[in-house]
C-alpha atoms as a PDB file:
ATOM      1  CA  MET A   1     -53.901 -27.196  -0.865  1.00  0.00           C
ATOM      2  CA  ARG A   2     -53.758 -23.147  -2.154  1.00  0.00           C
ATOM      3  CA  ILE A   3     -50.108 -23.272  -0.424  1.00  0.00           C
ATOM      4  CA  THR A   4     -49.050 -26.378  -2.624  1.00  0.00           C
ATOM      5  CA  LEU A   5     -50.558 -24.818  -5.256  1.00  0.00           C
ATOM      6  CA  THR A   6     -48.379 -21.513  -4.814  1.00  0.00           C
ATOM      7  CA  LEU A   7     -45.678 -23.642  -4.836  1.00  0.00           C
ATOM      8  CA  THR A   8     -45.803 -25.899  -7.579  1.00  0.00           C
ATOM      9  CA  LEU A   9     -46.076 -22.509  -9.709  1.00  0.00           C
ATOM     10  CA  LEU A  10     -43.383 -21.136  -8.399  1.00  0.00           C
ATOM     11  CA  SER A  11     -41.654 -24.039  -8.545  1.00  0.00           C
ATOM     12  CA  LEU A  12     -42.496 -24.269 -12.393  1.00  0.00           C
ATOM     13  CA  ILE A  13     -41.975 -20.506 -13.132  1.00  0.00           C
ATOM     14  CA  LEU A  14     -38.442 -21.422 -11.921  1.00  0.00           C
ATOM     15  CA  ALA A  15     -37.992 -24.318 -13.654  1.00  0.00           C
ATOM     16  CA  SER A  16     -39.243 -22.943 -17.243  1.00  0.00           C
ATOM     17  CA  CYS A  17     -36.882 -19.949 -16.603  1.00  0.00           C
ATOM     18  CA  GLN A  18     -33.411 -22.143 -15.580  1.00  0.00           C
ATOM     19  CA  LEU A  19     -34.273 -24.308 -18.874  1.00  0.00           C
ATOM     20  CA  THR A  20     -34.349 -21.382 -20.643  1.00  0.00           C
ATOM     21  CA  SER A  21     -31.417 -19.519 -19.370  1.00  0.00           C
ATOM     22  CA  ASN A  22     -30.212 -23.257 -20.098  1.00  0.00           C
ATOM     23  CA  LYS A  23     -31.132 -23.088 -23.439  1.00  0.00           C
ATOM     24  CA  GLU A  24     -29.844 -19.409 -24.075  1.00  0.00           C
ATOM     25  CA  ASN A  25     -26.544 -20.279 -23.013  1.00  0.00           C
ATOM     26  CA  THR A  26     -26.125 -23.168 -25.289  1.00  0.00           C
ATOM     27  CA  MET A  27     -27.398 -21.459 -28.363  1.00  0.00           C
ATOM     28  CA  ASP A  28     -24.652 -20.644 -31.388  1.00  0.00           C
ATOM     29  CA  THR A  29     -24.372 -16.483 -30.082  1.00  0.00           C
ATOM     30  CA  ASN A  30     -24.697 -15.765 -33.810  1.00  0.00           C
ATOM     31  CA  GLU A  31     -27.936 -17.324 -33.885  1.00  0.00           C
ATOM     32  CA  LYS A  32     -29.267 -15.298 -30.749  1.00  0.00           C
ATOM     33  CA  PRO A  33     -31.021 -12.453 -31.358  1.00  0.00           C
ATOM     34  CA  GLU A  34     -29.219  -9.009 -29.327  1.00  0.00           C
ATOM     35  CA  ILE A  35     -31.447  -6.687 -27.929  1.00  0.00           C
ATOM     36  CA  SER A  36     -30.460  -3.439 -27.173  1.00  0.00           C
ATOM     37  CA  ALA A  37     -31.088  -1.332 -24.207  1.00  0.00           C
ATOM     38  CA  ASN A  38     -32.875   0.911 -26.462  1.00  0.00           C
ATOM     39  CA  ASP A  39     -35.028  -1.606 -27.716  1.00  0.00           C
ATOM     40  CA  THR A  40     -38.957  -0.729 -27.996  1.00  0.00           C
ATOM     41  CA  THR A  41     -40.319  -4.109 -29.471  1.00  0.00           C
ATOM     42  CA  PRO A  42     -43.781  -4.599 -27.615  1.00  0.00           C
ATOM     43  CA  ARG A  43     -43.131  -7.581 -26.096  1.00  0.00           C
ATOM     44  CA  VAL A  44     -43.071  -9.231 -22.378  1.00  0.00           C
ATOM     45  CA  THR A  45     -39.753  -9.097 -20.708  1.00  0.00           C
ATOM     46  CA  GLY A  46     -40.402 -10.984 -17.795  1.00  0.00           C
ATOM     47  CA  ILE A  47     -42.624 -11.843 -14.923  1.00  0.00           C
ATOM     48  CA  GLY A  48     -43.908  -8.947 -13.307  1.00  0.00           C
ATOM     49  CA  GLY A  49     -46.167 -10.685 -10.260  1.00  0.00           C
ATOM     50  CA  ILE A  50     -47.672 -13.981  -9.446  1.00  0.00           C
ATOM     51  CA  PHE A  51     -51.080 -13.731  -7.472  1.00  0.00           C
ATOM     52  CA  PHE A  52     -53.389 -16.341  -5.824  1.00  0.00           C
ATOM     53  CA  PHE A  53     -56.296 -16.796  -3.751  1.00  0.00           C
ATOM     54  CA  SER A  54     -55.680 -17.269  -0.394  1.00  0.00           C
ATOM     55  CA  ASP A  55     -58.689 -18.221   2.591  1.00  0.00           C
ATOM     56  CA  ASN A  56     -56.325 -15.974   4.977  1.00  0.00           C
ATOM     57  CA  PRO A  57     -54.145 -14.091   2.962  1.00  0.00           C
ATOM     58  CA  GLU A  58     -52.610 -12.387   6.259  1.00  0.00           C
ATOM     59  CA  GLU A  59     -51.880 -15.488   7.653  1.00  0.00           C
ATOM     60  CA  THR A  60     -50.329 -16.903   3.895  1.00  0.00           C
ATOM     61  CA  ARG A  61     -47.678 -13.681   3.833  1.00  0.00           C
ATOM     62  CA  GLU A  62     -46.872 -14.493   7.678  1.00  0.00           C
ATOM     63  CA  TRP A  63     -46.194 -18.420   6.992  1.00  0.00           C
ATOM     64  CA  TYR A  64     -43.791 -17.485   3.374  1.00  0.00           C
ATOM     65  CA  SER A  65     -41.988 -14.873   5.987  1.00  0.00           C
ATOM     66  CA  LYS A  66     -41.433 -16.949   8.866  1.00  0.00           C
ATOM     67  CA  ASN A  67     -40.659 -20.400   6.711  1.00  0.00           C
ATOM     68  CA  LEU A  68     -39.507 -19.143   3.514  1.00  0.00           C
ATOM     69  CA  GLY A  69     -37.836 -15.631   4.700  1.00  0.00           C
ATOM     70  CA  LEU A  70     -39.806 -13.163   2.564  1.00  0.00           C
ATOM     71  CA  GLU A  71     -39.699  -9.511   3.179  1.00  0.00           C
ATOM     72  CA  VAL A  72     -43.783  -9.178   3.172  1.00  0.00           C
ATOM     73  CA  ASN A  73     -45.665  -6.686   3.706  1.00  0.00           C
ATOM     74  CA  GLU A  74     -49.813  -5.936   3.186  1.00  0.00           C
ATOM     75  CA  TRP A  75     -49.664  -6.403   0.027  1.00  0.00           C
ATOM     76  CA  GLY A  76     -47.373  -9.540  -0.306  1.00  0.00           C
ATOM     77  CA  SER A  77     -43.955  -9.402  -1.166  1.00  0.00           C
ATOM     78  CA  SER A  78     -41.627  -7.173  -3.847  1.00  0.00           C
ATOM     79  CA  PHE A  79     -38.611  -9.309  -5.247  1.00  0.00           C
ATOM     80  CA  GLU A  80     -35.578  -7.555  -6.306  1.00  0.00           C
ATOM     81  CA  PHE A  81     -33.677  -7.845  -9.308  1.00  0.00           C
ATOM     82  CA  ARG A  82     -31.138  -7.231 -11.643  1.00  0.00           C
ATOM     83  CA  ASN A  83     -32.316  -6.240 -15.709  1.00  0.00           C
ATOM     84  CA  ALA A  84     -30.225  -8.422 -17.785  1.00  0.00           C
ATOM     85  CA  ASN A  85     -29.663  -5.572 -20.539  1.00  0.00           C
ATOM     86  CA  ARG A  86     -29.383  -2.740 -18.152  1.00  0.00           C
ATOM     87  CA  PRO A  87     -27.332  -3.927 -14.876  1.00  0.00           C
ATOM     88  CA  ASP A  88     -27.850  -1.023 -13.037  1.00  0.00           C
ATOM     89  CA  GLU A  89     -31.238  -1.132 -12.727  1.00  0.00           C
ATOM     90  CA  ILE A  90     -33.374  -2.698 -10.033  1.00  0.00           C
ATOM     91  CA  ASN A  91     -36.345  -4.345 -11.137  1.00  0.00           C
ATOM     92  CA  TYR A  92     -38.976  -5.760  -8.887  1.00  0.00           C
ATOM     93  CA  LEU A  93     -41.765  -8.766  -9.039  1.00  0.00           C
ATOM     94  CA  GLN A  94     -44.748  -8.621  -6.992  1.00  0.00           C
ATOM     95  CA  TRP A  95     -45.758 -11.942  -5.030  1.00  0.00           C
ATOM     96  CA  SER A  96     -49.693 -11.234  -3.467  1.00  0.00           C
ATOM     97  CA  PRO A  97     -52.476 -13.548  -2.218  1.00  0.00           C
ATOM     98  CA  PHE A  98     -55.770 -12.079  -2.345  1.00  0.00           C
ATOM     99  CA  GLN A  99     -58.750 -12.923  -0.329  1.00  0.00           C
ATOM    100  CA  ALA A 100     -60.518 -16.412  -1.682  1.00  0.00           C
ATOM    101  CA  GLY A 101     -62.938 -14.640  -4.052  1.00  0.00           C
ATOM    102  CA  SER A 102     -61.748 -11.712  -4.884  1.00  0.00           C
ATOM    103  CA  ASP A 103     -63.054 -10.197  -8.416  1.00  0.00           C
ATOM    104  CA  TYR A 104     -59.977  -9.186  -9.190  1.00  0.00           C
ATOM    105  CA  PHE A 105     -59.500 -12.351 -11.501  1.00  0.00           C
ATOM    106  CA  VAL A 106     -62.610 -12.009 -12.835  1.00  0.00           C
ATOM    107  CA  PRO A 107     -63.889 -13.086 -15.520  1.00  0.00           C
ATOM    108  CA  SER A 108     -61.125 -15.848 -15.543  1.00  0.00           C
ATOM    109  CA  LYS A 109     -62.519 -18.378 -12.816  1.00  0.00           C
ATOM    110  CA  LYS A 110     -58.600 -19.287 -11.868  1.00  0.00           C
ATOM    111  CA  GLU A 111     -56.998 -19.088  -8.200  1.00  0.00           C
ATOM    112  CA  PHE A 112     -54.246 -17.214  -9.750  1.00  0.00           C
ATOM    113  CA  MET A 113     -53.226 -14.564 -11.990  1.00  0.00           C
ATOM    114  CA  ILE A 114     -50.063 -14.080 -13.309  1.00  0.00           C
ATOM    115  CA  ASN A 115     -48.567 -10.478 -14.126  1.00  0.00           C
ATOM    116  CA  TYR A 116     -46.241 -10.135 -17.473  1.00  0.00           C
ATOM    117  CA  ARG A 117     -43.131  -7.154 -17.851  1.00  0.00           C
ATOM    118  CA  VAL A 118     -44.004  -5.658 -21.038  1.00  0.00           C
ATOM    119  CA  GLN A 119     -42.690  -3.190 -22.673  1.00  0.00           C
ATOM    120  CA  ASN A 120     -44.109  -0.707 -24.890  1.00  0.00           C
ATOM    121  CA  ILE A 121     -47.664  -1.191 -23.867  1.00  0.00           C
ATOM    122  CA  GLU A 122     -49.404   0.407 -26.255  1.00  0.00           C
ATOM    123  CA  GLY A 123     -47.788  -1.343 -28.988  1.00  0.00           C
ATOM    124  CA  LEU A 124     -48.369  -4.633 -27.791  1.00  0.00           C
ATOM    125  CA  VAL A 125     -51.962  -3.843 -27.022  1.00  0.00           C
ATOM    126  CA  ARG A 126     -52.121  -2.758 -30.692  1.00  0.00           C
ATOM    127  CA  ASN A 127     -50.732  -6.209 -31.642  1.00  0.00           C
ATOM    128  CA  LEU A 128     -52.827  -8.091 -29.976  1.00  0.00           C
ATOM    129  CA  LYS A 129     -56.111  -6.653 -30.885  1.00  0.00           C
ATOM    130  CA  ALA A 130     -55.188  -7.236 -34.346  1.00  0.00           C
ATOM    131  CA  ASN A 131     -54.749 -10.822 -32.939  1.00  0.00           C
ATOM    132  CA  GLY A 132     -58.011 -11.303 -32.197  1.00  0.00           C
ATOM    133  CA  VAL A 133     -57.526 -11.172 -28.443  1.00  0.00           C
ATOM    134  CA  THR A 134     -59.361 -10.134 -25.929  1.00  0.00           C
ATOM    135  CA  ILE A 135     -59.091  -6.930 -24.241  1.00  0.00           C
ATOM    136  CA  LEU A 136     -60.698  -6.313 -20.896  1.00  0.00           C
ATOM    137  CA  ASP A 137     -59.653  -2.514 -20.330  1.00  0.00           C
ATOM    138  CA  GLU A 138     -58.446   0.229 -21.740  1.00  0.00           C
ATOM    139  CA  ILE A 139     -54.732   1.068 -20.186  1.00  0.00           C
ATOM    140  CA  VAL A 140     -54.470   2.756 -16.514  1.00  0.00           C
ATOM    141  CA  ALA A 141     -51.511   4.617 -15.750  1.00  0.00           C
ATOM    142  CA  TYR A 142     -50.190   5.250 -12.300  1.00  0.00           C
ATOM    143  CA  ASP A 143     -46.608   7.009 -11.080  1.00  0.00           C
ATOM    144  CA  TYR A 144     -45.314   3.210 -10.618  1.00  0.00           C
ATOM    145  CA  GLY A 145     -46.385   1.745 -14.084  1.00  0.00           C
ATOM    146  CA  LYS A 146     -49.078   1.324 -16.695  1.00  0.00           C
ATOM    147  CA  PHE A 147     -51.820  -1.599 -16.682  1.00  0.00           C
ATOM    148  CA  VAL A 148     -53.696  -3.596 -19.414  1.00  0.00           C
ATOM    149  CA  HIS A 149     -55.761  -7.008 -18.286  1.00  0.00           C
ATOM    150  CA  ILE A 150     -56.438  -9.478 -21.112  1.00  0.00           C
ATOM    151  CA  MET A 151     -57.629 -12.831 -21.604  1.00  0.00           C
ATOM    152  CA  ASP A 152     -55.467 -15.489 -22.575  1.00  0.00           C
ATOM    153  CA  ALA A 153     -56.920 -18.931 -25.099  1.00  0.00           C
ATOM    154  CA  GLU A 154     -57.340 -20.776 -22.112  1.00  0.00           C
ATOM    155  CA  GLY A 155     -59.462 -18.370 -20.225  1.00  0.00           C
ATOM    156  CA  ASN A 156     -56.565 -17.073 -17.727  1.00  0.00           C
ATOM    157  CA  LYS A 157     -56.758 -13.376 -17.268  1.00  0.00           C
ATOM    158  CA  ILE A 158     -53.900 -12.053 -17.541  1.00  0.00           C
ATOM    159  CA  GLU A 159     -52.098  -8.681 -16.216  1.00  0.00           C
ATOM    160  CA  LEU A 160     -50.087  -6.857 -18.462  1.00  0.00           C
ATOM    161  CA  TRP A 161     -47.602  -4.258 -16.855  1.00  0.00           C
ATOM    162  CA  GLU A 162     -45.268  -1.176 -18.048  1.00  0.00           C
ATOM    163  CA  PRO A 163     -43.405  -0.294 -15.147  1.00  0.00           C
ATOM    164  CA  VAL A 164     -41.558   2.363 -13.788  1.00  0.00           C
ATOM    165  CA  ASP A 165     -39.495   0.557 -11.207  1.00  0.00           C
ATOM    166  CA  SER A 166     -37.295   3.511 -10.122  1.00  0.00           C
ATOM    167  CA  VAL A 167     -40.772   5.030  -8.469  1.00  0.00           C
ATOM    168  CA  PHE A 168     -40.356   1.282  -6.182  1.00  0.00           C
ATOM    169  CA  THR A 169     -36.924   2.464  -5.741  1.00  0.00           C
ATOM    170  CA  GLN A 170     -37.334   5.557  -4.371  1.00  0.00           C
ATOM    171  CA  MET A 171     -40.201   4.492  -2.604  1.00  0.00           C
ATOM    172  CA  GLY A 172     -37.186   2.155  -0.131  1.00  0.00           C
ATOM    173  CA  GLY A 173     -38.798  -0.632   1.680  1.00  0.00           C
ATOM    174  CA  LYS A 174     -37.742  -4.019   2.329  1.00  0.00           C
ATOM    175  CA  THR A 175     -37.713  -6.840  -0.472  1.00  0.00           C
ATOM    176  CA  THR A 176     -37.395 -10.271  -0.805  1.00  0.00           C
ATOM    177  CA  LYS A 177     -33.687 -10.593  -2.772  1.00  0.00           C
END
């Protein structure tokens, strides 16, 4: 059941990305705003991670590795992709099964959590507060980026991540491409 839910979520996300891509490709270039590589507008720039509950995360990781070819480690799998605005830059998306019942998703009652890649996390948090969005914690900074958690209108906990992808690149290791 959980694997089916996960595959369904991944399919929906991929289908959404494809629809968005097709929609953008059919728009008149005069209608499409140009996004500069130096743009610092507070906003989501992509998916940063897909996290879900699993009764046995280790077994789940092994199943995905064996059957779907994911390169896995103790946290899940890091997907590698190129930045559309800076094609020489490698970016990452983290796929991670969490032990069922983990409190990492609290206060959400859902069995999954999505991490969104963002730029200008401080500005985005200011905008979210102004809009009355529930901010669950303070922005926390690590070598690999800044994080904060919010709740959406449906009670889903969302993780916002302003990444420093170069740290992952420097660390090396296998990634799913």
